[in-house]
Amino acid sequence: NLKIKQDLFGGLDKLAPAHTIFASN
């Protein structure tokens, strides 16, 4: 579900360190 994935990553983006890589399966 696109909206659920966007909300998840949008929230985590503010908390994860600068070096952290995000990936979707």
mmCIF file of all heavy atoms, coordinates in Angstrom:
data_MODEL
# 
_entry.id   MODEL 
# 
loop_
_atom_site.group_PDB 
_atom_site.id 
_atom_site.type_symbol 
_atom_site.label_atom_id 
_atom_site.label_alt_id 
_atom_site.label_comp_id 
_atom_site.label_asym_id 
_atom_site.label_entity_id 
_atom_site.label_seq_id 
_atom_site.pdbx_PDB_ins_code 
_atom_site.Cartn_x 
_atom_site.Cartn_y 
_atom_site.Cartn_z 
_atom_site.occupancy 
_atom_site.B_iso_or_equiv 
_atom_site.pdbx_formal_charge 
_atom_site.auth_seq_id 
_atom_site.auth_comp_id 
_atom_site.auth_asym_id 
_atom_site.auth_atom_id 
_atom_site.pdbx_PDB_model_num 
ATOM 1   N N   . ASN A 1 1  ? 0.862  -1.178 0.000  1.00 0.00 ? 1  ASN A N   1 
ATOM 2   C CA  . ASN A 1 1  ? 0.000  0.000  0.000  1.00 0.00 ? 1  ASN A CA  1 
ATOM 3   C C   . ASN A 1 1  ? 0.899  1.228  0.000  1.00 0.00 ? 1  ASN A C   1 
ATOM 4   O O   . ASN A 1 1  ? 1.674  1.439  0.946  1.00 0.00 ? 1  ASN A O   1 
ATOM 5   C CB  . ASN A 1 1  ? -0.921 -0.012 1.232  1.00 0.00 ? 1  ASN A CB  1 
ATOM 6   C CG  . ASN A 1 1  ? -1.864 1.171  1.274  1.00 0.00 ? 1  ASN A CG  1 
ATOM 7   O OD1 . ASN A 1 1  ? -1.452 2.322  1.402  1.00 0.00 ? 1  ASN A OD1 1 
ATOM 8   N ND2 . ASN A 1 1  ? -3.159 0.881  1.184  1.00 0.00 ? 1  ASN A ND2 1 
ATOM 9   N N   . LEU A 1 2  ? 0.810  2.025  -1.058 1.00 0.00 ? 2  LEU A N   1 
ATOM 10  C CA  . LEU A 1 2  ? 1.730  3.143  -1.234 1.00 0.00 ? 2  LEU A CA  1 
ATOM 11  C C   . LEU A 1 2  ? 1.665  4.133  -0.079 1.00 0.00 ? 2  LEU A C   1 
ATOM 12  O O   . LEU A 1 2  ? 2.703  4.553  0.457  1.00 0.00 ? 2  LEU A O   1 
ATOM 13  C CB  . LEU A 1 2  ? 1.430  3.865  -2.561 1.00 0.00 ? 2  LEU A CB  1 
ATOM 14  C CG  . LEU A 1 2  ? 2.298  5.081  -2.878 1.00 0.00 ? 2  LEU A CG  1 
ATOM 15  C CD1 . LEU A 1 2  ? 3.769  4.701  -2.971 1.00 0.00 ? 2  LEU A CD1 1 
ATOM 16  C CD2 . LEU A 1 2  ? 1.824  5.746  -4.174 1.00 0.00 ? 2  LEU A CD2 1 
ATOM 17  N N   . LYS A 1 3  ? 0.458  4.513  0.332  1.00 0.00 ? 3  LYS A N   1 
ATOM 18  C CA  . LYS A 1 3  ? 0.316  5.511  1.392  1.00 0.00 ? 3  LYS A CA  1 
ATOM 19  C C   . LYS A 1 3  ? 0.918  5.013  2.707  1.00 0.00 ? 3  LYS A C   1 
ATOM 20  O O   . LYS A 1 3  ? 1.607  5.775  3.413  1.00 0.00 ? 3  LYS A O   1 
ATOM 21  C CB  . LYS A 1 3  ? -1.176 5.820  1.587  1.00 0.00 ? 3  LYS A CB  1 
ATOM 22  C CG  . LYS A 1 3  ? -1.480 6.828  2.688  1.00 0.00 ? 3  LYS A CG  1 
ATOM 23  C CD  . LYS A 1 3  ? -0.946 8.219  2.317  1.00 0.00 ? 3  LYS A CD  1 
ATOM 24  C CE  . LYS A 1 3  ? -1.560 9.317  3.189  1.00 0.00 ? 3  LYS A CE  1 
ATOM 25  N NZ  . LYS A 1 3  ? -1.404 9.101  4.636  1.00 0.00 ? 3  LYS A NZ  1 
ATOM 26  N N   . ILE A 1 4  ? 0.694  3.746  3.037  1.00 0.00 ? 4  ILE A N   1 
ATOM 27  C CA  . ILE A 1 4  ? 1.237  3.192  4.285  1.00 0.00 ? 4  ILE A CA  1 
ATOM 28  C C   . ILE A 1 4  ? 2.761  3.174  4.241  1.00 0.00 ? 4  ILE A C   1 
ATOM 29  O O   . ILE A 1 4  ? 3.435  3.518  5.222  1.00 0.00 ? 4  ILE A O   1 
ATOM 30  C CB  . ILE A 1 4  ? 0.680  1.780  4.528  1.00 0.00 ? 4  ILE A CB  1 
ATOM 31  C CG1 . ILE A 1 4  ? -0.823 1.850  4.807  1.00 0.00 ? 4  ILE A CG1 1 
ATOM 32  C CG2 . ILE A 1 4  ? 1.403  1.103  5.694  1.00 0.00 ? 4  ILE A CG2 1 
ATOM 33  C CD1 . ILE A 1 4  ? -1.487 0.506  4.930  1.00 0.00 ? 4  ILE A CD1 1 
ATOM 34  N N   . LYS A 1 5  ? 3.326  2.811  3.105  1.00 0.00 ? 5  LYS A N   1 
ATOM 35  C CA  . LYS A 1 5  ? 4.787  2.795  2.976  1.00 0.00 ? 5  LYS A CA  1 
ATOM 36  C C   . LYS A 1 5  ? 5.350  4.210  3.067  1.00 0.00 ? 5  LYS A C   1 
ATOM 37  O O   . LYS A 1 5  ? 6.382  4.445  3.715  1.00 0.00 ? 5  LYS A O   1 
ATOM 38  C CB  . LYS A 1 5  ? 5.183  2.140  1.650  1.00 0.00 ? 5  LYS A CB  1 
ATOM 39  C CG  . LYS A 1 5  ? 4.916  0.638  1.579  1.00 0.00 ? 5  LYS A CG  1 
ATOM 40  C CD  . LYS A 1 5  ? 5.328  0.079  0.219  1.00 0.00 ? 5  LYS A CD  1 
ATOM 41  C CE  . LYS A 1 5  ? 4.900  -1.353 0.012  1.00 0.00 ? 5  LYS A CE  1 
ATOM 42  N NZ  . LYS A 1 5  ? 5.654  -2.311 0.820  1.00 0.00 ? 5  LYS A NZ  1 
ATOM 43  N N   . GLN A 1 6  ? 4.690  5.161  2.406  1.00 0.00 ? 6  GLN A N   1 
ATOM 44  C CA  . GLN A 1 6  ? 5.160  6.549  2.453  1.00 0.00 ? 6  GLN A CA  1 
ATOM 45  C C   . GLN A 1 6  ? 5.122  7.091  3.884  1.00 0.00 ? 6  GLN A C   1 
ATOM 46  O O   . GLN A 1 6  ? 6.067  7.758  4.326  1.00 0.00 ? 6  GLN A O   1 
ATOM 47  C CB  . GLN A 1 6  ? 4.297  7.417  1.540  1.00 0.00 ? 6  GLN A CB  1 
ATOM 48  C CG  . GLN A 1 6  ? 4.544  7.200  0.062  1.00 0.00 ? 6  GLN A CG  1 
ATOM 49  C CD  . GLN A 1 6  ? 3.608  8.022  -0.806 1.00 0.00 ? 6  GLN A CD  1 
ATOM 50  O OE1 . GLN A 1 6  ? 2.457  8.275  -0.435 1.00 0.00 ? 6  GLN A OE1 1 
ATOM 51  N NE2 . GLN A 1 6  ? 4.081  8.429  -1.972 1.00 0.00 ? 6  GLN A NE2 1 
ATOM 52  N N   . ASP A 1 7  ? 4.035  6.809  4.588  1.00 0.00 ? 7  ASP A N   1 
ATOM 53  C CA  . ASP A 1 7  ? 3.924  7.284  5.974  1.00 0.00 ? 7  ASP A CA  1 
ATOM 54  C C   . ASP A 1 7  ? 5.012  6.671  6.853  1.00 0.00 ? 7  ASP A C   1 
ATOM 55  O O   . ASP A 1 7  ? 5.591  7.349  7.712  1.00 0.00 ? 7  ASP A O   1 
ATOM 56  C CB  . ASP A 1 7  ? 2.549  6.938  6.534  1.00 0.00 ? 7  ASP A CB  1 
ATOM 57  C CG  . ASP A 1 7  ? 1.432  7.777  5.924  1.00 0.00 ? 7  ASP A CG  1 
ATOM 58  O OD1 . ASP A 1 7  ? 1.745  8.783  5.263  1.00 0.00 ? 7  ASP A OD1 1 
ATOM 59  O OD2 . ASP A 1 7  ? 0.251  7.415  6.095  1.00 0.00 ? 7  ASP A OD2 1 
ATOM 60  N N   . LEU A 1 8  ? 5.281  5.389  6.631  1.00 0.00 ? 8  LEU A N   1 
ATOM 61  C CA  . LEU A 1 8  ? 6.315  4.708  7.415  1.00 0.00 ? 8  LEU A CA  1 
ATOM 62  C C   . LEU A 1 8  ? 7.675  5.359  7.196  1.00 0.00 ? 8  LEU A C   1 
ATOM 63  O O   . LEU A 1 8  ? 8.349  5.773  8.162  1.00 0.00 ? 8  LEU A O   1 
ATOM 64  C CB  . LEU A 1 8  ? 6.384  3.234  7.032  1.00 0.00 ? 8  LEU A CB  1 
ATOM 65  C CG  . LEU A 1 8  ? 7.549  2.444  7.627  1.00 0.00 ? 8  LEU A CG  1 
ATOM 66  C CD1 . LEU A 1 8  ? 7.367  2.265  9.128  1.00 0.00 ? 8  LEU A CD1 1 
ATOM 67  C CD2 . LEU A 1 8  ? 7.695  1.093  6.937  1.00 0.00 ? 8  LEU A CD2 1 
ATOM 68  N N   . PHE A 1 9  ? 8.085  5.464  5.957  1.00 0.00 ? 9  PHE A N   1 
ATOM 69  C CA  . PHE A 1 9  ? 9.409  6.008  5.654  1.00 0.00 ? 9  PHE A CA  1 
ATOM 70  C C   . PHE A 1 9  ? 9.503  7.495  5.983  1.00 0.00 ? 9  PHE A C   1 
ATOM 71  O O   . PHE A 1 9  ? 10.556 7.974  6.415  1.00 0.00 ? 9  PHE A O   1 
ATOM 72  C CB  . PHE A 1 9  ? 9.763  5.773  4.186  1.00 0.00 ? 9  PHE A CB  1 
ATOM 73  C CG  . PHE A 1 9  ? 10.276 4.390  3.897  1.00 0.00 ? 9  PHE A CG  1 
ATOM 74  C CD1 . PHE A 1 9  ? 9.606  3.560  3.009  1.00 0.00 ? 9  PHE A CD1 1 
ATOM 75  C CD2 . PHE A 1 9  ? 11.424 3.922  4.504  1.00 0.00 ? 9  PHE A CD2 1 
ATOM 76  C CE1 . PHE A 1 9  ? 10.083 2.290  2.738  1.00 0.00 ? 9  PHE A CE1 1 
ATOM 77  C CE2 . PHE A 1 9  ? 11.908 2.643  4.237  1.00 0.00 ? 9  PHE A CE2 1 
ATOM 78  C CZ  . PHE A 1 9  ? 11.230 1.827  3.349  1.00 0.00 ? 9  PHE A CZ  1 
ATOM 79  N N   . GLY A 1 10 ? 8.396  8.216  5.780  1.00 0.00 ? 10 GLY A N   1 
ATOM 80  C CA  . GLY A 1 10 ? 8.406  9.645  6.104  1.00 0.00 ? 10 GLY A CA  1 
ATOM 81  C C   . GLY A 1 10 ? 8.673  9.887  7.574  1.00 0.00 ? 10 GLY A C   1 
ATOM 82  O O   . GLY A 1 10 ? 9.430  10.800 7.944  1.00 0.00 ? 10 GLY A O   1 
ATOM 83  N N   . GLY A 1 11 ? 8.078  9.048  8.442  1.00 0.00 ? 11 GLY A N   1 
ATOM 84  C CA  . GLY A 1 11 ? 8.311  9.180  9.872  1.00 0.00 ? 11 GLY A CA  1 
ATOM 85  C C   . GLY A 1 11 ? 9.701  8.752  10.275 1.00 0.00 ? 11 GLY A C   1 
ATOM 86  O O   . GLY A 1 11 ? 10.364 9.421  11.083 1.00 0.00 ? 11 GLY A O   1 
ATOM 87  N N   . LEU A 1 12 ? 10.172 7.644  9.708  1.00 0.00 ? 12 LEU A N   1 
ATOM 88  C CA  . LEU A 1 12 ? 11.499 7.129  10.069 1.00 0.00 ? 12 LEU A CA  1 
ATOM 89  C C   . LEU A 1 12 ? 12.619 8.030  9.567  1.00 0.00 ? 12 LEU A C   1 
ATOM 90  O O   . LEU A 1 12 ? 13.703 8.079  10.167 1.00 0.00 ? 12 LEU A O   1 
ATOM 91  C CB  . LEU A 1 12 ? 11.682 5.717  9.511  1.00 0.00 ? 12 LEU A CB  1 
ATOM 92  C CG  . LEU A 1 12 ? 10.726 4.654  10.046 1.00 0.00 ? 12 LEU A CG  1 
ATOM 93  C CD1 . LEU A 1 12 ? 11.039 3.300  9.422  1.00 0.00 ? 12 LEU A CD1 1 
ATOM 94  C CD2 . LEU A 1 12 ? 10.785 4.572  11.562 1.00 0.00 ? 12 LEU A CD2 1 
ATOM 95  N N   . ASP A 1 13 ? 12.369 8.745  8.478  1.00 0.00 ? 13 ASP A N   1 
ATOM 96  C CA  . ASP A 1 13 ? 13.397 9.608  7.893  1.00 0.00 ? 13 ASP A CA  1 
ATOM 97  C C   . ASP A 1 13 ? 13.860 10.677 8.877  1.00 0.00 ? 13 ASP A C   1 
ATOM 98  O O   . ASP A 1 13 ? 15.025 11.080 8.873  1.00 0.00 ? 13 ASP A O   1 
ATOM 99  C CB  . ASP A 1 13 ? 12.837 10.256 6.624  1.00 0.00 ? 13 ASP A CB  1 
ATOM 100 C CG  . ASP A 1 13 ? 13.881 11.072 5.874  1.00 0.00 ? 13 ASP A CG  1 
ATOM 101 O OD1 . ASP A 1 13 ? 15.014 10.577 5.699  1.00 0.00 ? 13 ASP A OD1 1 
ATOM 102 O OD2 . ASP A 1 13 ? 13.565 12.207 5.476  1.00 0.00 ? 13 ASP A OD2 1 
ATOM 103 N N   . LYS A 1 14 ? 12.964 11.109 9.723  1.00 0.00 ? 14 LYS A N   1 
ATOM 104 C CA  . LYS A 1 14 ? 13.287 12.159 10.694 1.00 0.00 ? 14 LYS A CA  1 
ATOM 105 C C   . LYS A 1 14 ? 14.116 11.620 11.866 1.00 0.00 ? 14 LYS A C   1 
ATOM 106 O O   . LYS A 1 14 ? 14.714 12.388 12.614 1.00 0.00 ? 14 LYS A O   1 
ATOM 107 C CB  . LYS A 1 14 ? 11.997 12.789 11.228 1.00 0.00 ? 14 LYS A CB  1 
ATOM 108 C CG  . LYS A 1 14 ? 11.113 13.425 10.158 1.00 0.00 ? 14 LYS A CG  1 
ATOM 109 C CD  . LYS A 1 14 ? 9.837  13.973 10.771 1.00 0.00 ? 14 LYS A CD  1 
ATOM 110 C CE  . LYS A 1 14 ? 8.946  14.635 9.739  1.00 0.00 ? 14 LYS A CE  1 
ATOM 111 N NZ  . LYS A 1 14 ? 8.421  13.680 8.740  1.00 0.00 ? 14 LYS A NZ  1 
ATOM 112 N N   . LEU A 1 15 ? 14.140 10.299 12.026 1.00 0.00 ? 15 LEU A N   1 
ATOM 113 C CA  . LEU A 1 15 ? 14.777 9.693  13.198 1.00 0.00 ? 15 LEU A CA  1 
ATOM 114 C C   . LEU A 1 15 ? 16.065 8.939  12.895 1.00 0.00 ? 15 LEU A C   1 
ATOM 115 O O   . LEU A 1 15 ? 16.929 8.819  13.748 1.00 0.00 ? 15 LEU A O   1 
ATOM 116 C CB  . LEU A 1 15 ? 13.783 8.720  13.864 1.00 0.00 ? 15 LEU A CB  1 
ATOM 117 C CG  . LEU A 1 15 ? 12.454 9.335  14.306 1.00 0.00 ? 15 LEU A CG  1 
ATOM 118 C CD1 . LEU A 1 15 ? 11.474 8.242  14.697 1.00 0.00 ? 15 LEU A CD1 1 
ATOM 119 C CD2 . LEU A 1 15 ? 12.665 10.301 15.466 1.00 0.00 ? 15 LEU A CD2 1 
ATOM 120 N N   . ALA A 1 16 ? 16.180 8.417  11.676 1.00 0.00 ? 16 ALA A N   1 
ATOM 121 C CA  . ALA A 1 16 ? 17.339 7.600  11.321 1.00 0.00 ? 16 ALA A CA  1 
ATOM 122 C C   . ALA A 1 16 ? 18.578 8.470  11.123 1.00 0.00 ? 16 ALA A C   1 
ATOM 123 O O   . ALA A 1 16 ? 18.481 9.625  10.697 1.00 0.00 ? 16 ALA A O   1 
ATOM 124 C CB  . ALA A 1 16 ? 17.051 6.808  10.053 1.00 0.00 ? 16 ALA A CB  1 
ATOM 125 N N   . PRO A 1 17 ? 19.766 7.936  11.420 1.00 0.00 ? 17 PRO A N   1 
ATOM 126 C CA  . PRO A 1 17 ? 21.007 8.678  11.177 1.00 0.00 ? 17 PRO A CA  1 
ATOM 127 C C   . PRO A 1 17 ? 21.167 9.039  9.704  1.00 0.00 ? 17 PRO A C   1 
ATOM 128 O O   . PRO A 1 17 ? 20.553 8.418  8.824  1.00 0.00 ? 17 PRO A O   1 
ATOM 129 C CB  . PRO A 1 17 ? 22.088 7.687  11.624 1.00 0.00 ? 17 PRO A CB  1 
ATOM 130 C CG  . PRO A 1 17 ? 21.411 6.745  12.548 1.00 0.00 ? 17 PRO A CG  1 
ATOM 131 C CD  . PRO A 1 17 ? 20.004 6.616  12.040 1.00 0.00 ? 17 PRO A CD  1 
ATOM 132 N N   . ALA A 1 18 ? 22.022 10.001 9.443  1.00 0.00 ? 18 ALA A N   1 
ATOM 133 C CA  . ALA A 1 18 ? 22.205 10.479 8.069  1.00 0.00 ? 18 ALA A CA  1 
ATOM 134 C C   . ALA A 1 18 ? 22.723 9.391  7.143  1.00 0.00 ? 18 ALA A C   1 
ATOM 135 O O   . ALA A 1 18 ? 22.402 9.366  5.957  1.00 0.00 ? 18 ALA A O   1 
ATOM 136 C CB  . ALA A 1 18 ? 23.161 11.669 8.068  1.00 0.00 ? 18 ALA A CB  1 
ATOM 137 N N   . HIS A 1 19 ? 23.509 8.458  7.688  1.00 0.00 ? 19 HIS A N   1 
ATOM 138 C CA  . HIS A 1 19 ? 24.123 7.450  6.823  1.00 0.00 ? 19 HIS A CA  1 
ATOM 139 C C   . HIS A 1 19 ? 23.184 6.297  6.478  1.00 0.00 ? 19 HIS A C   1 
ATOM 140 O O   . HIS A 1 19 ? 23.471 5.502  5.571  1.00 0.00 ? 19 HIS A O   1 
ATOM 141 C CB  . HIS A 1 19 ? 25.385 6.874  7.484  1.00 0.00 ? 19 HIS A CB  1 
ATOM 142 C CG  . HIS A 1 19 ? 25.090 5.912  8.588  1.00 0.00 ? 19 HIS A CG  1 
ATOM 143 N ND1 . HIS A 1 19 ? 24.871 6.313  9.892  1.00 0.00 ? 19 HIS A ND1 1 
ATOM 144 C CD2 . HIS A 1 19 ? 24.963 4.557  8.596  1.00 0.00 ? 19 HIS A CD2 1 
ATOM 145 C CE1 . HIS A 1 19 ? 24.644 5.251  10.647 1.00 0.00 ? 19 HIS A CE1 1 
ATOM 146 N NE2 . HIS A 1 19 ? 24.691 4.169  9.883  1.00 0.00 ? 19 HIS A NE2 1 
ATOM 147 N N   . THR A 1 20 ? 22.066 6.167  7.200  1.00 0.00 ? 20 THR A N   1 
ATOM 148 C CA  . THR A 1 20 ? 21.198 5.002  7.057  1.00 0.00 ? 20 THR A CA  1 
ATOM 149 C C   . THR A 1 20 ? 20.571 4.926  5.670  1.00 0.00 ? 20 THR A C   1 
ATOM 150 O O   . THR A 1 20 ? 20.012 5.907  5.174  1.00 0.00 ? 20 THR A O   1 
ATOM 151 C CB  . THR A 1 20 ? 20.080 5.014  8.118  1.00 0.00 ? 20 THR A CB  1 
ATOM 152 O OG1 . THR A 1 20 ? 20.669 5.112  9.409  1.00 0.00 ? 20 THR A OG1 1 
ATOM 153 C CG2 . THR A 1 20 ? 19.228 3.755  8.022  1.00 0.00 ? 20 THR A CG2 1 
ATOM 154 N N   . ILE A 1 21 ? 20.652 3.757  5.078  1.00 0.00 ? 21 ILE A N   1 
ATOM 155 C CA  . ILE A 1 21 ? 20.044 3.502  3.772  1.00 0.00 ? 21 ILE A CA  1 
ATOM 156 C C   . ILE A 1 21 ? 18.649 2.945  3.981  1.00 0.00 ? 21 ILE A C   1 
ATOM 157 O O   . ILE A 1 21 ? 18.436 2.061  4.819  1.00 0.00 ? 21 ILE A O   1 
ATOM 158 C CB  . ILE A 1 21 ? 20.893 2.508  2.953  1.00 0.00 ? 21 ILE A CB  1 
ATOM 159 C CG1 . ILE A 1 21 ? 22.267 3.116  2.637  1.00 0.00 ? 21 ILE A CG1 1 
ATOM 160 C CG2 . ILE A 1 21 ? 20.182 2.104  1.661  1.00 0.00 ? 21 ILE A CG2 1 
ATOM 161 C CD1 . ILE A 1 21 ? 23.241 2.135  1.996  1.00 0.00 ? 21 ILE A CD1 1 
ATOM 162 N N   . PHE A 1 22 ? 17.687 3.447  3.220  1.00 0.00 ? 22 PHE A N   1 
ATOM 163 C CA  . PHE A 1 22 ? 16.328 2.944  3.236  1.00 0.00 ? 22 PHE A CA  1 
ATOM 164 C C   . PHE A 1 22 ? 16.094 2.105  1.981  1.00 0.00 ? 22 PHE A C   1 
ATOM 165 O O   . PHE A 1 22 ? 16.506 2.498  0.885  1.00 0.00 ? 22 PHE A O   1 
ATOM 166 C CB  . PHE A 1 22 ? 15.310 4.091  3.246  1.00 0.00 ? 22 PHE A CB  1 
ATOM 167 C CG  . PHE A 1 22 ? 15.132 4.767  4.580  1.00 0.00 ? 22 PHE A CG  1 
ATOM 168 C CD1 . PHE A 1 22 ? 15.853 4.371  5.699  1.00 0.00 ? 22 PHE A CD1 1 
ATOM 169 C CD2 . PHE A 1 22 ? 14.230 5.812  4.716  1.00 0.00 ? 22 PHE A CD2 1 
ATOM 170 C CE1 . PHE A 1 22 ? 15.684 4.998  6.929  1.00 0.00 ? 22 PHE A CE1 1 
ATOM 171 C CE2 . PHE A 1 22 ? 14.049 6.451  5.929  1.00 0.00 ? 22 PHE A CE2 1 
ATOM 172 C CZ  . PHE A 1 22 ? 14.774 6.044  7.037  1.00 0.00 ? 22 PHE A CZ  1 
ATOM 173 N N   . ALA A 1 23 ? 15.420 0.971  2.145  1.00 0.00 ? 23 ALA A N   1 
ATOM 174 C CA  . ALA A 1 23 ? 15.124 0.116  0.989  1.00 0.00 ? 23 ALA A CA  1 
ATOM 175 C C   . ALA A 1 23 ? 13.737 -0.498 1.150  1.00 0.00 ? 23 ALA A C   1 
ATOM 176 O O   . ALA A 1 23 ? 13.340 -0.885 2.249  1.00 0.00 ? 23 ALA A O   1 
ATOM 177 C CB  . ALA A 1 23 ? 16.171 -0.996 0.854  1.00 0.00 ? 23 ALA A CB  1 
ATOM 178 N N   . SER A 1 24 ? 13.018 -0.588 0.050  1.00 0.00 ? 24 SER A N   1 
ATOM 179 C CA  . SER A 1 24 ? 11.705 -1.226 0.052  1.00 0.00 ? 24 SER A CA  1 
ATOM 180 C C   . SER A 1 24 ? 11.780 -2.551 -0.692 1.00 0.00 ? 24 SER A C   1 
ATOM 181 O O   . SER A 1 24 ? 12.425 -2.654 -1.735 1.00 0.00 ? 24 SER A O   1 
ATOM 182 C CB  . SER A 1 24 ? 10.657 -0.328 -0.615 1.00 0.00 ? 24 SER A CB  1 
ATOM 183 O OG  . SER A 1 24 ? 9.417  -1.010 -0.728 1.00 0.00 ? 24 SER A OG  1 
ATOM 184 N N   . ASN A 1 25 ? 11.102 -3.551 -0.143 1.00 0.00 ? 25 ASN A N   1 
ATOM 185 C CA  . ASN A 1 25 ? 11.030 -4.865 -0.773 1.00 0.00 ? 25 ASN A CA  1 
ATOM 186 C C   . ASN A 1 25 ? 9.808  -4.984 -1.690 1.00 0.00 ? 25 ASN A C   1 
ATOM 187 O O   . ASN A 1 25 ? 9.454  -6.074 -2.118 1.00 0.00 ? 25 ASN A O   1 
ATOM 188 C CB  . ASN A 1 25 ? 10.977 -5.958 0.305  1.00 0.00 ? 25 ASN A CB  1 
ATOM 189 C CG  . ASN A 1 25 ? 10.959 -7.361 -0.280 1.00 0.00 ? 25 ASN A CG  1 
ATOM 190 O OD1 . ASN A 1 25 ? 11.854 -7.756 -1.013 1.00 0.00 ? 25 ASN A OD1 1 
ATOM 191 N ND2 . ASN A 1 25 ? 9.899  -8.115 0.002  1.00 0.00 ? 25 ASN A ND2 1 
# 
